[in-house]
């Protein structure tokens, strides 16, 4: 099984915060991005095939690390 790790990345252009899934070579292969401007959450795999176990771990990590939005709104209220 491929080893994955996570990192948190701030993006001022997109006005938000993301949890990125990195492969063994430290390439970003997927992300969950929280946009503070419009209260949306998007999952992007950048066209990569990702194992379901890795996606589950990414979503779990994101639900903890990205909550709440910058203004205090819970992720449960995302659009």
C-alpha atoms as a PDB file:
ATOM      1  CA  UNK A   1       0.000   0.000   0.000  1.00  0.00           C
ATOM      2  CA  UNK A   2       1.252   3.473  -0.859  1.00  0.00           C
ATOM      3  CA  UNK A   3       2.269   5.648   2.090  1.00  0.00           C
ATOM      4  CA  UNK A   4       0.511   8.985   2.320  1.00  0.00           C
ATOM      5  CA  UNK A   5       0.884  12.001   4.582  1.00  0.00           C
ATOM      6  CA  UNK A   6      -1.047  15.202   5.087  1.00  0.00           C
ATOM      7  CA  UNK A   7      -0.151  18.865   5.231  1.00  0.00           C
ATOM      8  CA  UNK A   8      -2.147  22.011   5.882  1.00  0.00           C
ATOM      9  CA  UNK A   9      -1.884  24.768   3.283  1.00  0.00           C
ATOM     10  CA  UNK A  10      -3.214  28.304   3.388  1.00  0.00           C
ATOM     11  CA  UNK A  11      -4.201  29.939   0.103  1.00  0.00           C
ATOM     12  CA  UNK A  12      -4.746  33.701   0.169  1.00  0.00           C
ATOM     13  CA  UNK A  13      -5.749  33.843  -3.509  1.00  0.00           C
ATOM     14  CA  UNK A  14      -8.603  31.352  -3.007  1.00  0.00           C
ATOM     15  CA  UNK A  15      -9.255  32.757   0.503  1.00  0.00           C
ATOM     16  CA  UNK A  16      -9.130  29.565   2.465  1.00  0.00           C
ATOM     17  CA  UNK A  17      -7.331  26.633   3.967  1.00  0.00           C
ATOM     18  CA  UNK A  18      -6.754  23.130   2.698  1.00  0.00           C
ATOM     19  CA  UNK A  19      -5.615  19.720   3.817  1.00  0.00           C
ATOM     20  CA  UNK A  20      -3.412  18.175   1.149  1.00  0.00           C
ATOM     21  CA  UNK A  21      -2.749  14.472   0.628  1.00  0.00           C
ATOM     22  CA  UNK A  22       0.885  13.824  -0.332  1.00  0.00           C
ATOM     23  CA  UNK A  23       2.281  10.675  -1.915  1.00  0.00           C
ATOM     24  CA  UNK A  24       5.654   9.083  -1.082  1.00  0.00           C
ATOM     25  CA  UNK A  25       7.446  11.622  -3.316  1.00  0.00           C
ATOM     26  CA  UNK A  26       5.710  14.572  -1.570  1.00  0.00           C
ATOM     27  CA  UNK A  27       3.495  15.326  -4.572  1.00  0.00           C
ATOM     28  CA  UNK A  28       0.044  16.719  -3.772  1.00  0.00           C
ATOM     29  CA  UNK A  29      -2.387  14.131  -5.128  1.00  0.00           C
ATOM     30  CA  UNK A  30      -5.619  15.377  -3.533  1.00  0.00           C
ATOM     31  CA  UNK A  31      -6.951  18.123  -1.307  1.00  0.00           C
ATOM     32  CA  UNK A  32      -9.951  19.169   0.703  1.00  0.00           C
ATOM     33  CA  UNK A  33     -10.257  22.944   0.473  1.00  0.00           C
ATOM     34  CA  UNK A  34     -12.287  25.196   2.772  1.00  0.00           C
ATOM     35  CA  UNK A  35     -13.159  28.533   1.144  1.00  0.00           C
ATOM     36  CA  UNK A  36     -13.789  31.167   3.800  1.00  0.00           C
ATOM     37  CA  UNK A  37     -15.208  33.670   1.291  1.00  0.00           C
ATOM     38  CA  UNK A  38     -18.241  31.605   0.244  1.00  0.00           C
ATOM     39  CA  UNK A  39     -18.346  28.849   2.914  1.00  0.00           C
ATOM     40  CA  UNK A  40     -17.792  25.953   0.516  1.00  0.00           C
ATOM     41  CA  UNK A  41     -15.743  22.788   0.879  1.00  0.00           C
ATOM     42  CA  UNK A  42     -14.352  21.099  -2.224  1.00  0.00           C
ATOM     43  CA  UNK A  43     -12.522  17.795  -2.686  1.00  0.00           C
ATOM     44  CA  UNK A  44     -10.073  17.747  -5.598  1.00  0.00           C
ATOM     45  CA  UNK A  45      -8.099  14.682  -6.710  1.00  0.00           C
ATOM     46  CA  UNK A  46      -6.428  16.509  -9.614  1.00  0.00           C
ATOM     47  CA  UNK A  47      -7.380  13.571 -11.852  1.00  0.00           C
ATOM     48  CA  UNK A  48      -5.508  11.050  -9.679  1.00  0.00           C
ATOM     49  CA  UNK A  49      -6.872   7.640  -8.772  1.00  0.00           C
ATOM     50  CA  UNK A  50      -6.884   7.554  -4.964  1.00  0.00           C
ATOM     51  CA  UNK A  51      -7.506   4.542  -2.759  1.00  0.00           C
ATOM     52  CA  UNK A  52     -10.733   4.807  -0.769  1.00  0.00           C
ATOM     53  CA  UNK A  53      -8.799   4.322   2.487  1.00  0.00           C
ATOM     54  CA  UNK A  54      -6.680   7.396   1.687  1.00  0.00           C
ATOM     55  CA  UNK A  55      -9.769   9.461   0.810  1.00  0.00           C
ATOM     56  CA  UNK A  56     -11.420   8.450   4.088  1.00  0.00           C
ATOM     57  CA  UNK A  57      -8.342   9.487   6.054  1.00  0.00           C
ATOM     58  CA  UNK A  58      -8.132  12.764   4.124  1.00  0.00           C
ATOM     59  CA  UNK A  59     -11.775  13.558   4.876  1.00  0.00           C
ATOM     60  CA  UNK A  60     -11.361  12.672   8.563  1.00  0.00           C
ATOM     61  CA  UNK A  61      -8.286  14.867   8.852  1.00  0.00           C
ATOM     62  CA  UNK A  62     -10.010  17.730   7.029  1.00  0.00           C
ATOM     63  CA  UNK A  63     -13.132  17.551   9.183  1.00  0.00           C
ATOM     64  CA  UNK A  64     -10.984  18.080  12.278  1.00  0.00           C
ATOM     65  CA  UNK A  65      -8.300  20.457  10.973  1.00  0.00           C
ATOM     66  CA  UNK A  66     -10.501  22.728   8.858  1.00  0.00           C
ATOM     67  CA  UNK A  67     -13.375  23.228  11.309  1.00  0.00           C
ATOM     68  CA  UNK A  68     -14.560  25.951  11.776  1.00  0.00           C
ATOM     69  CA  UNK A  69     -14.522  28.494   8.955  1.00  0.00           C
ATOM     70  CA  UNK A  70     -12.491  31.624   9.686  1.00  0.00           C
ATOM     71  CA  UNK A  71     -15.568  33.491  10.973  1.00  0.00           C
ATOM     72  CA  UNK A  72     -16.432  30.685  13.409  1.00  0.00           C
ATOM     73  CA  UNK A  73     -19.148  29.065  11.283  1.00  0.00           C
ATOM     74  CA  UNK A  74     -19.131  25.272  11.589  1.00  0.00           C
ATOM     75  CA  UNK A  75     -18.199  23.153   8.576  1.00  0.00           C
ATOM     76  CA  UNK A  76     -21.599  21.478   8.994  1.00  0.00           C
ATOM     77  CA  UNK A  77     -23.098  24.697   7.603  1.00  0.00           C
ATOM     78  CA  UNK A  78     -21.016  24.651   4.398  1.00  0.00           C
ATOM     79  CA  UNK A  79     -22.727  25.064   1.063  1.00  0.00           C
END
